[in-house]
Amino acid sequence: MEERVERLEALVALQDRSLEKLNEVLSDQQLEISELKRQVKLLAGKVRELRMSADEQIQDVPPPHYNG
């Protein structure tokens, strides 16, 4: 009987360690996701700025070979 109890205690200890590791991994992934979201927002803003800048630079100018 005592052997079964020790085996169960060992299994519970192993599960506790596994849960702690999973919690650490989950926490690390959440931090990485937050950082990636921040970077995506930053890049989306830069793309928006570039589009606006490109739209401002595009003029309705006839091509050079056009002689009006």
PDB file of N, CA and C in Angstrom:
ATOM      1  N   MET A   1       0.815  -1.187   0.000  1.00  0.00           N
ATOM      2  CA  MET A   1       0.000   0.000   0.000  1.00  0.00           C
ATOM      3  C   MET A   1       0.867   1.264   0.000  1.00  0.00           C
ATOM      4  N   GLU A   2       1.915   1.256   0.820  1.00  0.00           N
ATOM      5  CA  GLU A   2       2.785   2.431   0.894  1.00  0.00           C
ATOM      6  C   GLU A   2       3.481   2.680  -0.444  1.00  0.00           C
ATOM      7  N   GLU A   3       3.803   1.631  -1.150  1.00  0.00           N
ATOM      8  CA  GLU A   3       4.446   1.768  -2.460  1.00  0.00           C
ATOM      9  C   GLU A   3       3.506   2.483  -3.431  1.00  0.00           C
ATOM     10  N   ARG A   4       2.236   2.171  -3.376  1.00  0.00           N
ATOM     11  CA  ARG A   4       1.250   2.834  -4.245  1.00  0.00           C
ATOM     12  C   ARG A   4       1.138   4.317  -3.900  1.00  0.00           C
ATOM     13  N   VAL A   5       1.165   4.625  -2.623  1.00  0.00           N
ATOM     14  CA  VAL A   5       1.069   6.021  -2.187  1.00  0.00           C
ATOM     15  C   VAL A   5       2.295   6.796  -2.669  1.00  0.00           C
ATOM     16  N   GLU A   6       3.459   6.204  -2.529  1.00  0.00           N
ATOM     17  CA  GLU A   6       4.696   6.861  -2.987  1.00  0.00           C
ATOM     18  C   GLU A   6       4.660   7.069  -4.496  1.00  0.00           C
ATOM     19  N   ARG A   7       4.152   6.069  -5.206  1.00  0.00           N
ATOM     20  CA  ARG A   7       4.056   6.192  -6.661  1.00  0.00           C
ATOM     21  C   ARG A   7       3.101   7.326  -7.037  1.00  0.00           C
ATOM     22  N   LEU A   8       1.980   7.412  -6.364  1.00  0.00           N
ATOM     23  CA  LEU A   8       1.020   8.482  -6.612  1.00  0.00           C
ATOM     24  C   LEU A   8       1.601   9.850  -6.264  1.00  0.00           C
ATOM     25  N   GLU A   9       2.345   9.923  -5.164  1.00  0.00           N
ATOM     26  CA  GLU A   9       2.988  11.187  -4.793  1.00  0.00           C
ATOM     27  C   GLU A   9       3.998  11.607  -5.852  1.00  0.00           C
ATOM     28  N   ALA A  10       4.728  10.640  -6.378  1.00  0.00           N
ATOM     29  CA  ALA A  10       5.705  10.943  -7.433  1.00  0.00           C
ATOM     30  C   ALA A  10       4.996  11.449  -8.684  1.00  0.00           C
ATOM     31  N   LEU A  11       3.889  10.824  -9.011  1.00  0.00           N
ATOM     32  CA  LEU A  11       3.132  11.262 -10.187  1.00  0.00           C
ATOM     33  C   LEU A  11       2.576  12.676  -9.995  1.00  0.00           C
ATOM     34  N   VAL A  12       2.096  12.962  -8.801  1.00  0.00           N
ATOM     35  CA  VAL A  12       1.582  14.303  -8.517  1.00  0.00           C
ATOM     36  C   VAL A  12       2.712  15.329  -8.607  1.00  0.00           C
ATOM     37  N   ALA A  13       3.870  14.995  -8.087  1.00  0.00           N
ATOM     38  CA  ALA A  13       5.023  15.899  -8.157  1.00  0.00           C
ATOM     39  C   ALA A  13       5.414  16.141  -9.615  1.00  0.00           C
ATOM     40  N   LEU A  14       5.399  15.092 -10.415  1.00  0.00           N
ATOM     41  CA  LEU A  14       5.725  15.223 -11.840  1.00  0.00           C
ATOM     42  C   LEU A  14       4.703  16.114 -12.532  1.00  0.00           C
ATOM     43  N   GLN A  15       3.447  15.937 -12.225  1.00  0.00           N
ATOM     44  CA  GLN A  15       2.406  16.778 -12.818  1.00  0.00           C
ATOM     45  C   GLN A  15       2.553  18.230 -12.381  1.00  0.00           C
ATOM     46  N   ASP A  16       2.916  18.445 -11.138  1.00  0.00           N
ATOM     47  CA  ASP A  16       3.147  19.815 -10.659  1.00  0.00           C
ATOM     48  C   ASP A  16       4.274  20.479 -11.441  1.00  0.00           C
ATOM     49  N   ARG A  17       5.370  19.753 -11.653  1.00  0.00           N
ATOM     50  CA  ARG A  17       6.495  20.310 -12.427  1.00  0.00           C
ATOM     51  C   ARG A  17       6.069  20.580 -13.867  1.00  0.00           C
ATOM     52  N   SER A  18       5.294  19.655 -14.422  1.00  0.00           N
ATOM     53  CA  SER A  18       4.827  19.847 -15.800  1.00  0.00           C
ATOM     54  C   SER A  18       3.943  21.085 -15.902  1.00  0.00           C
ATOM     55  N   LEU A  19       3.057  21.261 -14.944  1.00  0.00           N
ATOM     56  CA  LEU A  19       2.198  22.441 -14.948  1.00  0.00           C
ATOM     57  C   LEU A  19       3.004  23.731 -14.801  1.00  0.00           C
ATOM     58  N   GLU A  20       4.013  23.713 -13.952  1.00  0.00           N
ATOM     59  CA  GLU A  20       4.860  24.896 -13.788  1.00  0.00           C
ATOM     60  C   GLU A  20       5.577  25.229 -15.093  1.00  0.00           C
ATOM     61  N   LYS A  21       6.108  24.205 -15.766  1.00  0.00           N
ATOM     62  CA  LYS A  21       6.789  24.441 -17.049  1.00  0.00           C
ATOM     63  C   LYS A  21       5.816  24.988 -18.085  1.00  0.00           C
ATOM     64  N   LEU A  22       4.624  24.393 -18.155  1.00  0.00           N
ATOM     65  CA  LEU A  22       3.624  24.871 -19.104  1.00  0.00           C
ATOM     66  C   LEU A  22       3.228  26.306 -18.805  1.00  0.00           C
ATOM     67  N   ASN A  23       3.115  26.641 -17.546  1.00  0.00           N
ATOM     68  CA  ASN A  23       2.776  28.008 -17.156  1.00  0.00           C
ATOM     69  C   ASN A  23       3.876  28.978 -17.583  1.00  0.00           C
ATOM     70  N   GLU A  24       5.119  28.585 -17.412  1.00  0.00           N
ATOM     71  CA  GLU A  24       6.241  29.437 -17.841  1.00  0.00           C
ATOM     72  C   GLU A  24       6.211  29.649 -19.346  1.00  0.00           C
ATOM     73  N   VAL A  25       5.989  28.561 -20.083  1.00  0.00           N
ATOM     74  CA  VAL A  25       5.949  28.654 -21.546  1.00  0.00           C
ATOM     75  C   VAL A  25       4.796  29.552 -21.981  1.00  0.00           C
ATOM     76  N   LEU A  26       3.654  29.372 -21.357  1.00  0.00           N
ATOM     77  CA  LEU A  26       2.485  30.183 -21.689  1.00  0.00           C
ATOM     78  C   LEU A  26       2.749  31.661 -21.405  1.00  0.00           C
ATOM     79  N   SER A  27       3.368  31.939 -20.294  1.00  0.00           N
ATOM     80  CA  SER A  27       3.697  33.317 -19.933  1.00  0.00           C
ATOM     81  C   SER A  27       4.674  33.921 -20.943  1.00  0.00           C
ATOM     82  N   ASP A  28       5.710  33.161 -21.308  1.00  0.00           N
ATOM     83  CA  ASP A  28       6.678  33.639 -22.303  1.00  0.00           C
ATOM     84  C   ASP A  28       6.007  33.907 -23.648  1.00  0.00           C
ATOM     85  N   GLN A  29       5.113  33.009 -24.033  1.00  0.00           N
ATOM     86  CA  GLN A  29       4.423  33.184 -25.313  1.00  0.00           C
ATOM     87  C   GLN A  29       3.520  34.409 -25.283  1.00  0.00           C
ATOM     88  N   GLN A  30       2.878  34.654 -24.163  1.00  0.00           N
ATOM     89  CA  GLN A  30       2.018  35.830 -24.064  1.00  0.00           C
ATOM     90  C   GLN A  30       2.840  37.113 -24.184  1.00  0.00           C
ATOM     91  N   LEU A  31       4.009  37.126 -23.565  1.00  0.00           N
ATOM     92  CA  LEU A  31       4.883  38.299 -23.703  1.00  0.00           C
ATOM     93  C   LEU A  31       5.308  38.481 -25.160  1.00  0.00           C
ATOM     94  N   GLU A  32       5.642  37.390 -25.821  1.00  0.00           N
ATOM     95  CA  GLU A  32       6.059  37.465 -27.220  1.00  0.00           C
ATOM     96  C   GLU A  32       4.898  37.925 -28.107  1.00  0.00           C
ATOM     97  N   ILE A  33       3.707  37.429 -27.849  1.00  0.00           N
ATOM     98  CA  ILE A  33       2.533  37.857 -28.617  1.00  0.00           C
ATOM     99  C   ILE A  33       2.293  39.353 -28.426  1.00  0.00           C
ATOM    100  N   SER A  34       2.404  39.824 -27.207  1.00  0.00           N
ATOM    101  CA  SER A  34       2.217  41.252 -26.945  1.00  0.00           C
ATOM    102  C   SER A  34       3.242  42.085 -27.705  1.00  0.00           C
ATOM    103  N   GLU A  35       4.483  41.649 -27.715  1.00  0.00           N
ATOM    104  CA  GLU A  35       5.531  42.369 -28.438  1.00  0.00           C
ATOM    105  C   GLU A  35       5.267  42.340 -29.944  1.00  0.00           C
ATOM    106  N   LEU A  36       4.843  41.195 -30.453  1.00  0.00           N
ATOM    107  CA  LEU A  36       4.547  41.099 -31.882  1.00  0.00           C
ATOM    108  C   LEU A  36       3.364  41.983 -32.269  1.00  0.00           C
ATOM    109  N   LYS A  37       2.352  42.059 -31.421  1.00  0.00           N
ATOM    110  CA  LYS A  37       1.223  42.954 -31.681  1.00  0.00           C
ATOM    111  C   LYS A  37       1.687  44.404 -31.735  1.00  0.00           C
ATOM    112  N   ARG A  38       2.566  44.765 -30.812  1.00  0.00           N
ATOM    113  CA  ARG A  38       3.087  46.137 -30.795  1.00  0.00           C
ATOM    114  C   ARG A  38       3.836  46.431 -32.089  1.00  0.00           C
ATOM    115  N   GLN A  39       4.649  45.471 -32.538  1.00  0.00           N
ATOM    116  CA  GLN A  39       5.417  45.654 -33.764  1.00  0.00           C
ATOM    117  C   GLN A  39       4.509  45.738 -34.991  1.00  0.00           C
ATOM    118  N   VAL A  40       3.458  44.938 -35.019  1.00  0.00           N
ATOM    119  CA  VAL A  40       2.519  44.978 -36.141  1.00  0.00           C
ATOM    120  C   VAL A  40       1.838  46.345 -36.202  1.00  0.00           C
ATOM    121  N   LYS A  41       1.430  46.874 -35.055  1.00  0.00           N
ATOM    122  CA  LYS A  41       0.813  48.206 -35.035  1.00  0.00           C
ATOM    123  C   LYS A  41       1.784  49.262 -35.551  1.00  0.00           C
ATOM    124  N   LEU A  42       3.032  49.158 -35.110  1.00  0.00           N
ATOM    125  CA  LEU A  42       4.045  50.115 -35.550  1.00  0.00           C
ATOM    126  C   LEU A  42       4.245  50.031 -37.068  1.00  0.00           C
ATOM    127  N   LEU A  43       4.371  48.810 -37.574  1.00  0.00           N
ATOM    128  CA  LEU A  43       4.572  48.628 -39.011  1.00  0.00           C
ATOM    129  C   LEU A  43       3.348  49.067 -39.814  1.00  0.00           C
ATOM    130  N   ALA A  44       2.158  48.798 -39.305  1.00  0.00           N
ATOM    131  CA  ALA A  44       0.939  49.225 -39.996  1.00  0.00           C
ATOM    132  C   ALA A  44       0.899  50.752 -40.088  1.00  0.00           C
ATOM    133  N   GLY A  45       1.320  51.425 -39.032  1.00  0.00           N
ATOM    134  CA  GLY A  45       1.379  52.879 -39.059  1.00  0.00           C
ATOM    135  C   GLY A  45       2.377  53.386 -40.083  1.00  0.00           C
ATOM    136  N   LYS A  46       3.517  52.731 -40.163  1.00  0.00           N
ATOM    137  CA  LYS A  46       4.521  53.144 -41.150  1.00  0.00           C
ATOM    138  C   LYS A  46       4.035  52.912 -42.573  1.00  0.00           C
ATOM    139  N   VAL A  47       3.348  51.790 -42.798  1.00  0.00           N
ATOM    140  CA  VAL A  47       2.798  51.508 -44.133  1.00  0.00           C
ATOM    141  C   VAL A  47       1.770  52.569 -44.499  1.00  0.00           C
ATOM    142  N   ARG A  48       0.914  52.934 -43.540  1.00  0.00           N
ATOM    143  CA  ARG A  48      -0.086  53.970 -43.771  1.00  0.00           C
ATOM    144  C   ARG A  48       0.591  55.295 -44.136  1.00  0.00           C
ATOM    145  N   GLU A  49       1.645  55.638 -43.413  1.00  0.00           N
ATOM    146  CA  GLU A  49       2.378  56.876 -43.701  1.00  0.00           C
ATOM    147  C   GLU A  49       3.002  56.836 -45.093  1.00  0.00           C
ATOM    148  N   LEU A  50       3.579  55.687 -45.454  1.00  0.00           N
ATOM    149  CA  LEU A  50       4.189  55.561 -46.779  1.00  0.00           C
ATOM    150  C   LEU A  50       3.151  55.677 -47.883  1.00  0.00           C
ATOM    151  N   ARG A  51       1.986  55.082 -47.665  1.00  0.00           N
ATOM    152  CA  ARG A  51       0.914  55.190 -48.677  1.00  0.00           C
ATOM    153  C   ARG A  51       0.476  56.635 -48.840  1.00  0.00           C
ATOM    154  N   MET A  52       0.303  57.318 -47.714  1.00  0.00           N
ATOM    155  CA  MET A  52      -0.112  58.716 -47.787  1.00  0.00           C
ATOM    156  C   MET A  52       0.951  59.550 -48.477  1.00  0.00           C
ATOM    157  N   SER A  53       2.197  59.292 -48.163  1.00  0.00           N
ATOM    158  CA  SER A  53       3.303  60.021 -48.779  1.00  0.00           C
ATOM    159  C   SER A  53       3.357  59.732 -50.277  1.00  0.00           C
ATOM    160  N   ALA A  54       3.160  58.477 -50.650  1.00  0.00           N
ATOM    161  CA  ALA A  54       3.194  58.105 -52.067  1.00  0.00           C
ATOM    162  C   ALA A  54       2.022  58.744 -52.797  1.00  0.00           C
ATOM    163  N   ASP A  55       0.840  58.774 -52.173  1.00  0.00           N
ATOM    164  CA  ASP A  55      -0.327  59.395 -52.793  1.00  0.00           C
ATOM    165  C   ASP A  55      -0.094  60.878 -53.022  1.00  0.00           C
ATOM    166  N   GLU A  56       0.584  61.534 -52.097  1.00  0.00           N
ATOM    167  CA  GLU A  56       0.867  62.959 -52.240  1.00  0.00           C
ATOM    168  C   GLU A  56       1.870  63.206 -53.368  1.00  0.00           C
ATOM    169  N   GLN A  57       2.793  62.279 -53.562  1.00  0.00           N
ATOM    170  CA  GLN A  57       3.835  62.454 -54.577  1.00  0.00           C
ATOM    171  C   GLN A  57       3.330  62.146 -55.980  1.00  0.00           C
ATOM    172  N   ILE A  58       2.290  61.339 -56.077  1.00  0.00           N
ATOM    173  CA  ILE A  58       1.753  60.993 -57.396  1.00  0.00           C
ATOM    174  C   ILE A  58       0.955  62.186 -57.895  1.00  0.00           C
ATOM    175  N   GLN A  59       1.359  62.689 -59.034  1.00  0.00           N
ATOM    176  CA  GLN A  59       0.674  63.827 -59.628  1.00  0.00           C
ATOM    177  C   GLN A  59       0.085  63.388 -60.961  1.00  0.00           C
ATOM    178  N   ASP A  60      -0.912  64.109 -61.376  1.00  0.00           N
ATOM    179  CA  ASP A  60      -1.544  63.800 -62.664  1.00  0.00           C
ATOM    180  C   ASP A  60      -0.758  64.498 -63.761  1.00  0.00           C
ATOM    181  N   VAL A  61       0.435  63.988 -64.020  1.00  0.00           N
ATOM    182  CA  VAL A  61       1.340  64.574 -65.003  1.00  0.00           C
ATOM    183  C   VAL A  61       1.310  63.687 -66.251  1.00  0.00           C
ATOM    184  N   PRO A  62       1.132  64.298 -67.413  1.00  0.00           N
ATOM    185  CA  PRO A  62       1.138  63.476 -68.621  1.00  0.00           C
ATOM    186  C   PRO A  62       2.521  62.873 -68.871  1.00  0.00           C
ATOM    187  N   PRO A  63       2.567  61.755 -69.528  1.00  0.00           N
ATOM    188  CA  PRO A  63       3.869  61.135 -69.813  1.00  0.00           C
ATOM    189  C   PRO A  63       4.708  62.040 -70.710  1.00  0.00           C
ATOM    190  N   PRO A  64       6.031  61.855 -70.678  1.00  0.00           N
ATOM    191  CA  PRO A  64       6.929  62.752 -71.433  1.00  0.00           C
ATOM    192  C   PRO A  64       6.655  62.759 -72.931  1.00  0.00           C
ATOM    193  N   HIS A  65       6.174  61.675 -73.495  1.00  0.00           N
ATOM    194  CA  HIS A  65       5.956  61.621 -74.936  1.00  0.00           C
ATOM    195  C   HIS A  65       4.631  62.283 -75.374  1.00  0.00           C
ATOM    196  N   TYR A  66       3.846  62.704 -74.393  1.00  0.00           N
ATOM    197  CA  TYR A  66       2.564  63.330 -74.689  1.00  0.00           C
ATOM    198  C   TYR A  66       2.790  64.795 -75.041  1.00  0.00           C
ATOM    199  N   ASN A  67       2.283  65.228 -76.167  1.00  0.00           N
ATOM    200  CA  ASN A  67       2.532  66.604 -76.625  1.00  0.00           C
ATOM    201  C   ASN A  67       1.230  67.440 -76.619  1.00  0.00           C
ATOM    202  N   GLY A  68       0.425  67.192 -75.687  1.00  0.00           N
ATOM    203  CA  GLY A  68      -0.745  67.909 -75.381  1.00  0.00           C
ATOM    204  C   GLY A  68      -1.675  68.350 -76.366  1.00  0.00           C
TER     205      GLY A  68
END
